[in-house]
Amino acid sequence: MLREQYETERIKDKWCWIDCLCLNQAGIVEKSVQVRHIGSIFELAAEALVYVGVEIESTALAMNFWKRLQVFFEELPRVDADGELIFLAHEDLLRDTGTT
């Protein structure tokens, strides 16, 4: 996947965080320290590409869910009338995306 992205110049001359390379998966102490930074990495990213492995039988189902999530978050008001952040329970997210 990375080679394809690089060859199409999608990631050429860009910083990349590759979890399995940037994070010592076997180092429990290092991993616990680095995991705290992952939120900032994604928050500051202009774009995120995710590779979760080869396609399997349920991949289409997962991709359909991601598309519904995208629509859900695009339409979601992020603050209420008073400017306060809106927090939803996971049950609300599942209900509103039609997921069980």
PDB file of N, CA and C in Angstrom:
ATOM      1  N   MET A   1       0.816  -1.192   0.000  1.00  0.00           N
ATOM      2  CA  MET A   1       0.000   0.000   0.000  1.00  0.00           C
ATOM      3  C   MET A   1       0.864   1.261   0.000  1.00  0.00           C
ATOM      4  N   LEU A   2       1.886   1.292   0.844  1.00  0.00           N
ATOM      5  CA  LEU A   2       2.748   2.480   0.903  1.00  0.00           C
ATOM      6  C   LEU A   2       3.437   2.743  -0.425  1.00  0.00           C
ATOM      7  N   ARG A   3       3.917   1.690  -1.049  1.00  0.00           N
ATOM      8  CA  ARG A   3       4.591   1.866  -2.338  1.00  0.00           C
ATOM      9  C   ARG A   3       3.638   2.472  -3.355  1.00  0.00           C
ATOM     10  N   GLU A   4       2.401   1.977  -3.398  1.00  0.00           N
ATOM     11  CA  GLU A   4       1.412   2.525  -4.332  1.00  0.00           C
ATOM     12  C   GLU A   4       1.144   4.000  -4.049  1.00  0.00           C
ATOM     13  N   GLN A   5       1.007   4.346  -2.771  1.00  0.00           N
ATOM     14  CA  GLN A   5       0.764   5.739  -2.397  1.00  0.00           C
ATOM     15  C   GLN A   5       1.949   6.624  -2.768  1.00  0.00           C
ATOM     16  N   TYR A   6       3.154   6.108  -2.558  1.00  0.00           N
ATOM     17  CA  TYR A   6       4.362   6.871  -2.887  1.00  0.00           C
ATOM     18  C   TYR A   6       4.486   7.063  -4.399  1.00  0.00           C
ATOM     19  N   GLU A   7       4.236   5.995  -5.143  1.00  0.00           N
ATOM     20  CA  GLU A   7       4.365   6.068  -6.600  1.00  0.00           C
ATOM     21  C   GLU A   7       3.333   7.000  -7.225  1.00  0.00           C
ATOM     22  N   THR A   8       2.183   7.160  -6.605  1.00  0.00           N
ATOM     23  CA  THR A   8       1.177   8.087  -7.119  1.00  0.00           C
ATOM     24  C   THR A   8       1.387   9.489  -6.547  1.00  0.00           C
ATOM     25  N   GLU A   9       2.489   9.650  -5.809  1.00  0.00           N
ATOM     26  CA  GLU A   9       2.905  10.921  -5.209  1.00  0.00           C
ATOM     27  C   GLU A   9       1.937  11.428  -4.144  1.00  0.00           C
ATOM     28  N   ARG A  10       1.076  10.548  -3.641  1.00  0.00           N
ATOM     29  CA  ARG A  10       0.159  10.965  -2.585  1.00  0.00           C
ATOM     30  C   ARG A  10       0.902  11.219  -1.276  1.00  0.00           C
ATOM     31  N   ILE A  11       1.966  10.470  -1.020  1.00  0.00           N
ATOM     32  CA  ILE A  11       2.711  10.660   0.227  1.00  0.00           C
ATOM     33  C   ILE A  11       4.139  11.130  -0.006  1.00  0.00           C
ATOM     34  N   LYS A  12       4.493  11.402  -1.245  1.00  0.00           N
ATOM     35  CA  LYS A  12       5.848  11.865  -1.535  1.00  0.00           C
ATOM     36  C   LYS A  12       6.078  13.214  -0.862  1.00  0.00           C
ATOM     37  N   ASP A  13       7.221  13.392  -0.249  1.00  0.00           N
ATOM     38  CA  ASP A  13       7.599  14.640   0.430  1.00  0.00           C
ATOM     39  C   ASP A  13       6.664  14.990   1.585  1.00  0.00           C
ATOM     40  N   LYS A  14       6.119  13.985   2.254  1.00  0.00           N
ATOM     41  CA  LYS A  14       5.250  14.211   3.408  1.00  0.00           C
ATOM     42  C   LYS A  14       5.767  13.400   4.588  1.00  0.00           C
ATOM     43  N   TRP A  15       5.444  13.870   5.784  1.00  0.00           N
ATOM     44  CA  TRP A  15       5.771  13.134   6.996  1.00  0.00           C
ATOM     45  C   TRP A  15       4.773  12.006   7.153  1.00  0.00           C
ATOM     46  N   CYS A  16       5.246  10.839   7.536  1.00  0.00           N
ATOM     47  CA  CYS A  16       4.365   9.698   7.745  1.00  0.00           C
ATOM     48  C   CYS A  16       4.606   9.085   9.118  1.00  0.00           C
ATOM     49  N   TRP A  17       3.544   8.797   9.816  1.00  0.00           N
ATOM     50  CA  TRP A  17       3.609   8.034  11.054  1.00  0.00           C
ATOM     51  C   TRP A  17       3.162   6.627  10.700  1.00  0.00           C
ATOM     52  N   ILE A  18       4.065   5.684  10.814  1.00  0.00           N
ATOM     53  CA  ILE A  18       3.750   4.287  10.534  1.00  0.00           C
ATOM     54  C   ILE A  18       3.862   3.570  11.868  1.00  0.00           C
ATOM     55  N   ASP A  19       2.717   3.265  12.425  1.00  0.00           N
ATOM     56  CA  ASP A  19       2.639   2.774  13.792  1.00  0.00           C
ATOM     57  C   ASP A  19       3.618   1.632  14.074  1.00  0.00           C
ATOM     58  N   CYS A  20       3.636   0.631  13.214  1.00  0.00           N
ATOM     59  CA  CYS A  20       4.496  -0.527  13.489  1.00  0.00           C
ATOM     60  C   CYS A  20       5.975  -0.194  13.362  1.00  0.00           C
ATOM     61  N   LEU A  21       6.327   0.919  12.718  1.00  0.00           N
ATOM     62  CA  LEU A  21       7.724   1.335  12.619  1.00  0.00           C
ATOM     63  C   LEU A  21       8.081   2.413  13.636  1.00  0.00           C
ATOM     64  N   CYS A  22       7.152   3.319  13.897  1.00  0.00           N
ATOM     65  CA  CYS A  22       7.419   4.442  14.790  1.00  0.00           C
ATOM     66  C   CYS A  22       7.179   4.106  16.249  1.00  0.00           C
ATOM     67  N   LEU A  23       6.555   3.000  16.507  1.00  0.00           N
ATOM     68  CA  LEU A  23       6.207   2.624  17.863  1.00  0.00           C
ATOM     69  C   LEU A  23       6.729   1.217  18.125  1.00  0.00           C
ATOM     70  N   ASN A  24       7.615   1.091  19.102  1.00  0.00           N
ATOM     71  CA  ASN A  24       8.153  -0.216  19.461  1.00  0.00           C
ATOM     72  C   ASN A  24       7.038  -1.038  20.088  1.00  0.00           C
ATOM     73  N   GLN A  25       6.449  -1.926  19.318  1.00  0.00           N
ATOM     74  CA  GLN A  25       5.299  -2.696  19.771  1.00  0.00           C
ATOM     75  C   GLN A  25       5.633  -3.613  20.950  1.00  0.00           C
ATOM     76  N   ALA A  26       6.880  -4.033  21.061  1.00  0.00           N
ATOM     77  CA  ALA A  26       7.276  -4.945  22.143  1.00  0.00           C
ATOM     78  C   ALA A  26       7.687  -4.207  23.410  1.00  0.00           C
ATOM     79  N   GLY A  27       7.999  -2.922  23.309  1.00  0.00           N
ATOM     80  CA  GLY A  27       8.436  -2.154  24.466  1.00  0.00           C
ATOM     81  C   GLY A  27       7.257  -1.567  25.215  1.00  0.00           C
ATOM     82  N   ILE A  28       6.826  -2.238  26.268  1.00  0.00           N
ATOM     83  CA  ILE A  28       5.623  -1.820  26.999  1.00  0.00           C
ATOM     84  C   ILE A  28       5.756  -0.391  27.529  1.00  0.00           C
ATOM     85  N   VAL A  29       6.894  -0.051  28.117  1.00  0.00           N
ATOM     86  CA  VAL A  29       7.075   1.287  28.684  1.00  0.00           C
ATOM     87  C   VAL A  29       7.081   2.331  27.577  1.00  0.00           C
ATOM     88  N   GLU A  30       7.881   2.098  26.539  1.00  0.00           N
ATOM     89  CA  GLU A  30       7.929   3.054  25.418  1.00  0.00           C
ATOM     90  C   GLU A  30       6.557   3.174  24.767  1.00  0.00           C
ATOM     91  N   LYS A  31       5.912   2.052  24.559  1.00  0.00           N
ATOM     92  CA  LYS A  31       4.606   2.057  23.907  1.00  0.00           C
ATOM     93  C   LYS A  31       3.596   2.870  24.722  1.00  0.00           C
ATOM     94  N   SER A  32       3.597   2.714  26.038  1.00  0.00           N
ATOM     95  CA  SER A  32       2.638   3.456  26.858  1.00  0.00           C
ATOM     96  C   SER A  32       2.902   4.957  26.807  1.00  0.00           C
ATOM     97  N   VAL A  33       4.164   5.353  26.678  1.00  0.00           N
ATOM     98  CA  VAL A  33       4.495   6.778  26.560  1.00  0.00           C
ATOM     99  C   VAL A  33       4.067   7.308  25.194  1.00  0.00           C
ATOM    100  N   GLN A  34       4.382   6.581  24.151  1.00  0.00           N
ATOM    101  CA  GLN A  34       4.085   7.031  22.788  1.00  0.00           C
ATOM    102  C   GLN A  34       2.589   7.047  22.483  1.00  0.00           C
ATOM    103  N   VAL A  35       1.855   6.100  23.042  1.00  0.00           N
ATOM    104  CA  VAL A  35       0.414   6.035  22.775  1.00  0.00           C
ATOM    105  C   VAL A  35      -0.268   7.324  23.206  1.00  0.00           C
ATOM    106  N   ARG A  36       0.247   7.964  24.237  1.00  0.00           N
ATOM    107  CA  ARG A  36      -0.335   9.231  24.698  1.00  0.00           C
ATOM    108  C   ARG A  36      -0.217  10.331  23.645  1.00  0.00           C
ATOM    109  N   HIS A  37       0.717  10.193  22.696  1.00  0.00           N
ATOM    110  CA  HIS A  37       0.924  11.213  21.667  1.00  0.00           C
ATOM    111  C   HIS A  37       0.103  10.969  20.395  1.00  0.00           C
ATOM    112  N   ILE A  38      -0.478   9.798  20.276  1.00  0.00           N
ATOM    113  CA  ILE A  38      -1.174   9.446  19.042  1.00  0.00           C
ATOM    114  C   ILE A  38      -2.333  10.398  18.752  1.00  0.00           C
ATOM    115  N   GLY A  39      -3.064  10.818  19.779  1.00  0.00           N
ATOM    116  CA  GLY A  39      -4.159  11.767  19.578  1.00  0.00           C
ATOM    117  C   GLY A  39      -3.670  13.046  18.930  1.00  0.00           C
ATOM    118  N   SER A  40      -2.546  13.568  19.396  1.00  0.00           N
ATOM    119  CA  SER A  40      -1.974  14.791  18.819  1.00  0.00           C
ATOM    120  C   SER A  40      -1.522  14.569  17.392  1.00  0.00           C
ATOM    121  N   ILE A  41      -0.962  13.405  17.134  1.00  0.00           N
ATOM    122  CA  ILE A  41      -0.495  13.096  15.773  1.00  0.00           C
ATOM    123  C   ILE A  41      -1.667  13.162  14.801  1.00  0.00           C
ATOM    124  N   PHE A  42      -2.774  12.508  15.147  1.00  0.00           N
ATOM    125  CA  PHE A  42      -3.934  12.516  14.255  1.00  0.00           C
ATOM    126  C   PHE A  42      -4.615  13.879  14.226  1.00  0.00           C
ATOM    127  N   GLU A  43      -4.644  14.567  15.353  1.00  0.00           N
ATOM    128  CA  GLU A  43      -5.282  15.887  15.408  1.00  0.00           C
ATOM    129  C   GLU A  43      -4.556  16.889  14.518  1.00  0.00           C
ATOM    130  N   LEU A  44      -3.238  16.799  14.463  1.00  0.00           N
ATOM    131  CA  LEU A  44      -2.446  17.743  13.681  1.00  0.00           C
ATOM    132  C   LEU A  44      -2.267  17.314  12.231  1.00  0.00           C
ATOM    133  N   ALA A  45      -2.683  16.100  11.915  1.00  0.00           N
ATOM    134  CA  ALA A  45      -2.510  15.584  10.552  1.00  0.00           C
ATOM    135  C   ALA A  45      -3.472  16.262   9.587  1.00  0.00           C
ATOM    136  N   ALA A  46      -2.971  16.598   8.411  1.00  0.00           N
ATOM    137  CA  ALA A  46      -3.833  17.146   7.363  1.00  0.00           C
ATOM    138  C   ALA A  46      -4.650  16.028   6.726  1.00  0.00           C
ATOM    139  N   GLU A  47      -4.131  14.813   6.792  1.00  0.00           N
ATOM    140  CA  GLU A  47      -4.782  13.664   6.165  1.00  0.00           C
ATOM    141  C   GLU A  47      -4.316  12.408   6.877  1.00  0.00           C
ATOM    142  N   ALA A  48      -5.175  11.423   6.968  1.00  0.00           N
ATOM    143  CA  ALA A  48      -4.800  10.149   7.575  1.00  0.00           C
ATOM    144  C   ALA A  48      -5.164   9.018   6.623  1.00  0.00           C
ATOM    145  N   LEU A  49      -4.198   8.182   6.330  1.00  0.00           N
ATOM    146  CA  LEU A  49      -4.427   6.978   5.544  1.00  0.00           C
ATOM    147  C   LEU A  49      -4.333   5.809   6.510  1.00  0.00           C
ATOM    148  N   VAL A  50      -5.278   4.906   6.427  1.00  0.00           N
ATOM    149  CA  VAL A  50      -5.298   3.778   7.349  1.00  0.00           C
ATOM    150  C   VAL A  50      -5.253   2.489   6.553  1.00  0.00           C
ATOM    151  N   TYR A  51      -4.338   1.626   6.934  1.00  0.00           N
ATOM    152  CA  TYR A  51      -4.256   0.292   6.331  1.00  0.00           C
ATOM    153  C   TYR A  51      -4.415  -0.709   7.457  1.00  0.00           C
ATOM    154  N   VAL A  52      -5.427  -1.536   7.379  1.00  0.00           N
ATOM    155  CA  VAL A  52      -5.691  -2.482   8.462  1.00  0.00           C
ATOM    156  C   VAL A  52      -5.434  -3.929   8.050  1.00  0.00           C
ATOM    157  N   GLY A  53      -4.965  -4.137   6.857  1.00  0.00           N
ATOM    158  CA  GLY A  53      -4.648  -5.490   6.416  1.00  0.00           C
ATOM    159  C   GLY A  53      -5.321  -5.817   5.098  1.00  0.00           C
ATOM    160  N   VAL A  54      -5.147  -7.062   4.704  1.00  0.00           N
ATOM    161  CA  VAL A  54      -5.712  -7.508   3.431  1.00  0.00           C
ATOM    162  C   VAL A  54      -7.228  -7.616   3.543  1.00  0.00           C
ATOM    163  N   GLU A  55      -7.888  -7.527   2.409  1.00  0.00           N
ATOM    164  CA  GLU A  55      -9.344  -7.600   2.376  1.00  0.00           C
ATOM    165  C   GLU A  55      -9.812  -8.993   2.771  1.00  0.00           C
ATOM    166  N   ILE A  56     -10.845  -9.032   3.607  1.00  0.00           N
ATOM    167  CA  ILE A  56     -11.459 -10.296   3.998  1.00  0.00           C
ATOM    168  C   ILE A  56     -12.962 -10.195   3.755  1.00  0.00           C
ATOM    169  N   GLU A  57     -13.673 -11.225   4.118  1.00  0.00           N
ATOM    170  CA  GLU A  57     -15.109 -11.293   3.838  1.00  0.00           C
ATOM    171  C   GLU A  57     -15.891 -10.107   4.408  1.00  0.00           C
ATOM    172  N   SER A  58     -15.523  -9.634   5.599  1.00  0.00           N
ATOM    173  CA  SER A  58     -16.290  -8.562   6.238  1.00  0.00           C
ATOM    174  C   SER A  58     -15.756  -7.160   5.926  1.00  0.00           C
ATOM    175  N   THR A  59     -14.801  -7.036   5.012  1.00  0.00           N
ATOM    176  CA  THR A  59     -14.238  -5.721   4.690  1.00  0.00           C
ATOM    177  C   THR A  59     -15.301  -4.774   4.150  1.00  0.00           C
ATOM    178  N   ALA A  60     -16.157  -5.246   3.275  1.00  0.00           N
ATOM    179  CA  ALA A  60     -17.196  -4.389   2.699  1.00  0.00           C
ATOM    180  C   ALA A  60     -18.127  -3.871   3.795  1.00  0.00           C
ATOM    181  N   LEU A  61     -18.448  -4.704   4.764  1.00  0.00           N
ATOM    182  CA  LEU A  61     -19.285  -4.285   5.880  1.00  0.00           C
ATOM    183  C   LEU A  61     -18.602  -3.185   6.689  1.00  0.00           C
ATOM    184  N   ALA A  62     -17.318  -3.358   6.951  1.00  0.00           N
ATOM    185  CA  ALA A  62     -16.569  -2.349   7.706  1.00  0.00           C
ATOM    186  C   ALA A  62     -16.482  -1.036   6.932  1.00  0.00           C
ATOM    187  N   MET A  63     -16.239  -1.099   5.643  1.00  0.00           N
ATOM    188  CA  MET A  63     -16.137   0.119   4.837  1.00  0.00           C
ATOM    189  C   MET A  63     -17.480   0.846   4.777  1.00  0.00           C
ATOM    190  N   ASN A  64     -18.563   0.099   4.702  1.00  0.00           N
ATOM    191  CA  ASN A  64     -19.891   0.696   4.725  1.00  0.00           C
ATOM    192  C   ASN A  64     -20.110   1.436   6.041  1.00  0.00           C
ATOM    193  N   PHE A  65     -19.680   0.837   7.146  1.00  0.00           N
ATOM    194  CA  PHE A  65     -19.801   1.490   8.450  1.00  0.00           C
ATOM    195  C   PHE A  65     -18.984   2.783   8.487  1.00  0.00           C
ATOM    196  N   TRP A  66     -17.752   2.750   7.957  1.00  0.00           N
ATOM    197  CA  TRP A  66     -16.905   3.959   7.941  1.00  0.00           C
ATOM    198  C   TRP A  66     -17.563   5.078   7.145  1.00  0.00           C
ATOM    199  N   LYS A  67     -18.191   4.726   6.033  1.00  0.00           N
ATOM    200  CA  LYS A  67     -18.875   5.741   5.226  1.00  0.00           C
ATOM    201  C   LYS A  67     -20.036   6.355   5.994  1.00  0.00           C
ATOM    202  N   ARG A  68     -20.802   5.528   6.724  1.00  0.00           N
ATOM    203  CA  ARG A  68     -21.897   6.047   7.531  1.00  0.00           C
ATOM    204  C   ARG A  68     -21.366   6.929   8.657  1.00  0.00           C
ATOM    205  N   LEU A  69     -20.232   6.543   9.241  1.00  0.00           N
ATOM    206  CA  LEU A  69     -19.613   7.375  10.276  1.00  0.00           C
ATOM    207  C   LEU A  69     -19.210   8.736   9.721  1.00  0.00           C
ATOM    208  N   GLN A  70     -18.638   8.737   8.517  1.00  0.00           N
ATOM    209  CA  GLN A  70     -18.208   9.986   7.907  1.00  0.00           C
ATOM    210  C   GLN A  70     -19.395  10.924   7.734  1.00  0.00           C
ATOM    211  N   VAL A  71     -20.497  10.422   7.202  1.00  0.00           N
ATOM    212  CA  VAL A  71     -21.698  11.240   7.028  1.00  0.00           C
ATOM    213  C   VAL A  71     -22.192  11.727   8.383  1.00  0.00           C
ATOM    214  N   PHE A  72     -22.191  10.834   9.365  1.00  0.00           N
ATOM    215  CA  PHE A  72     -22.644  11.187  10.708  1.00  0.00           C
ATOM    216  C   PHE A  72     -21.833  12.346  11.267  1.00  0.00           C
ATOM    217  N   PHE A  73     -20.512  12.268  11.179  1.00  0.00           N
ATOM    218  CA  PHE A  73     -19.672  13.314  11.754  1.00  0.00           C
ATOM    219  C   PHE A  73     -19.692  14.601  10.942  1.00  0.00           C
ATOM    220  N   GLU A  74     -19.903  14.519   9.634  1.00  0.00           N
ATOM    221  CA  GLU A  74     -20.012  15.734   8.833  1.00  0.00           C
ATOM    222  C   GLU A  74     -21.271  16.515   9.196  1.00  0.00           C
ATOM    223  N   GLU A  75     -22.332  15.810   9.566  1.00  0.00           N
ATOM    224  CA  GLU A  75     -23.590  16.461   9.891  1.00  0.00           C
ATOM    225  C   GLU A  75     -23.707  16.802  11.375  1.00  0.00           C
ATOM    226  N   LEU A  76     -22.804  16.311  12.170  1.00  0.00           N
ATOM    227  CA  LEU A  76     -22.893  16.479  13.617  1.00  0.00           C
ATOM    228  C   LEU A  76     -22.530  17.891  14.045  1.00  0.00           C
ATOM    229  N   PRO A  77     -23.424  18.566  14.763  1.00  0.00           N
ATOM    230  CA  PRO A  77     -23.000  19.842  15.347  1.00  0.00           C
ATOM    231  C   PRO A  77     -21.962  19.537  16.422  1.00  0.00           C
ATOM    232  N   ARG A  78     -20.879  20.245  16.379  1.00  0.00           N
ATOM    233  CA  ARG A  78     -19.812  19.975  17.331  1.00  0.00           C
ATOM    234  C   ARG A  78     -19.974  20.766  18.625  1.00  0.00           C
ATOM    235  N   VAL A  79     -20.791  21.803  18.588  1.00  0.00           N
ATOM    236  CA  VAL A  79     -21.058  22.591  19.796  1.00  0.00           C
ATOM    237  C   VAL A  79     -22.552  22.860  19.890  1.00  0.00           C
ATOM    238  N   ASP A  80     -23.027  23.074  21.114  1.00  0.00           N
ATOM    239  CA  ASP A  80     -24.447  23.385  21.284  1.00  0.00           C
ATOM    240  C   ASP A  80     -24.668  24.888  21.132  1.00  0.00           C
ATOM    241  N   ALA A  81     -25.883  25.348  21.376  1.00  0.00           N
ATOM    242  CA  ALA A  81     -26.226  26.760  21.187  1.00  0.00           C
ATOM    243  C   ALA A  81     -25.403  27.687  22.069  1.00  0.00           C
ATOM    244  N   ASP A  82     -24.924  27.165  23.209  1.00  0.00           N
ATOM    245  CA  ASP A  82     -24.107  27.974  24.120  1.00  0.00           C
ATOM    246  C   ASP A  82     -22.616  27.875  23.810  1.00  0.00           C
ATOM    247  N   GLY A  83     -22.272  27.165  22.744  1.00  0.00           N
ATOM    248  CA  GLY A  83     -20.872  27.011  22.379  1.00  0.00           C
ATOM    249  C   GLY A  83     -20.166  25.895  23.129  1.00  0.00           C
ATOM    250  N   GLU A  84     -20.924  25.068  23.848  1.00  0.00           N
ATOM    251  CA  GLU A  84     -20.340  23.962  24.599  1.00  0.00           C
ATOM    252  C   GLU A  84     -20.204  22.737  23.692  1.00  0.00           C
ATOM    253  N   LEU A  85     -19.120  21.987  23.879  1.00  0.00           N
ATOM    254  CA  LEU A  85     -18.933  20.761  23.104  1.00  0.00           C
ATOM    255  C   LEU A  85     -20.030  19.755  23.392  1.00  0.00           C
ATOM    256  N   ILE A  86     -20.428  19.045  22.354  1.00  0.00           N
ATOM    257  CA  ILE A  86     -21.452  18.016  22.492  1.00  0.00           C
ATOM    258  C   ILE A  86     -20.755  16.659  22.543  1.00  0.00           C
ATOM    259  N   PHE A  87     -21.044  15.910  23.569  1.00  0.00           N
ATOM    260  CA  PHE A  87     -20.495  14.565  23.711  1.00  0.00           C
ATOM    261  C   PHE A  87     -21.627  13.563  23.571  1.00  0.00           C
ATOM    262  N   LEU A  88     -21.387  12.510  22.813  1.00  0.00           N
ATOM    263  CA  LEU A  88     -22.403  11.484  22.602  1.00  0.00           C
ATOM    264  C   LEU A  88     -21.929  10.166  23.192  1.00  0.00           C
ATOM    265  N   ALA A  89     -22.868   9.398  23.688  1.00  0.00           N
ATOM    266  CA  ALA A  89     -22.562   8.049  24.144  1.00  0.00           C
ATOM    267  C   ALA A  89     -22.415   7.149  22.922  1.00  0.00           C
ATOM    268  N   HIS A  90     -21.676   6.065  23.080  1.00  0.00           N
ATOM    269  CA  HIS A  90     -21.490   5.168  21.933  1.00  0.00           C
ATOM    270  C   HIS A  90     -22.818   4.588  21.460  1.00  0.00           C
ATOM    271  N   GLU A  91     -23.793   4.464  22.354  1.00  0.00           N
ATOM    272  CA  GLU A  91     -25.112   3.977  21.945  1.00  0.00           C
ATOM    273  C   GLU A  91     -25.758   4.937  20.946  1.00  0.00           C
ATOM    274  N   ASP A  92     -25.581   6.250  21.173  1.00  0.00           N
ATOM    275  CA  ASP A  92     -26.117   7.262  20.242  1.00  0.00           C
ATOM    276  C   ASP A  92     -25.471   7.132  18.877  1.00  0.00           C
ATOM    277  N   LEU A  93     -24.180   6.940  18.856  1.00  0.00           N
ATOM    278  CA  LEU A  93     -23.445   6.797  17.599  1.00  0.00           C
ATOM    279  C   LEU A  93     -23.916   5.580  16.837  1.00  0.00           C
ATOM    280  N   LEU A  94     -24.041   4.462  17.521  1.00  0.00           N
ATOM    281  CA  LEU A  94     -24.499   3.235  16.867  1.00  0.00           C
ATOM    282  C   LEU A  94     -25.936   3.384  16.353  1.00  0.00           C
ATOM    283  N   ARG A  95     -26.806   3.971  17.160  1.00  0.00           N
ATOM    284  CA  ARG A  95     -28.200   4.158  16.751  1.00  0.00           C
ATOM    285  C   ARG A  95     -28.281   5.080  15.531  1.00  0.00           C
ATOM    286  N   ASP A  96     -27.569   6.203  15.579  1.00  0.00           N
ATOM    287  CA  ASP A  96     -27.665   7.204  14.524  1.00  0.00           C
ATOM    288  C   ASP A  96     -26.993   6.782  13.219  1.00  0.00           C
ATOM    289  N   THR A  97     -26.109   5.800  13.272  1.00  0.00           N
ATOM    290  CA  THR A  97     -25.488   5.290  12.052  1.00  0.00           C
ATOM    291  C   THR A  97     -26.155   4.004  11.584  1.00  0.00           C
ATOM    292  N   GLY A  98     -27.208   3.590  12.288  1.00  0.00           N
ATOM    293  CA  GLY A  98     -27.929   2.381  11.891  1.00  0.00           C
ATOM    294  C   GLY A  98     -27.127   1.116  12.109  1.00  0.00           C
ATOM    295  N   THR A  99     -26.268   1.137  13.121  1.00  0.00           N
ATOM    296  CA  THR A  99     -25.399  -0.005  13.401  1.00  0.00           C
ATOM    297  C   THR A  99     -25.877  -0.719  14.652  1.00  0.00           C
ATOM    298  N   THR A 100     -25.777  -2.020  14.648  1.00  0.00           N
ATOM    299  CA  THR A 100     -26.157  -2.788  15.850  1.00  0.00           C
ATOM    300  C   THR A 100     -24.966  -3.486  16.443  1.00  0.00           C
TER     301      THR A 100
END
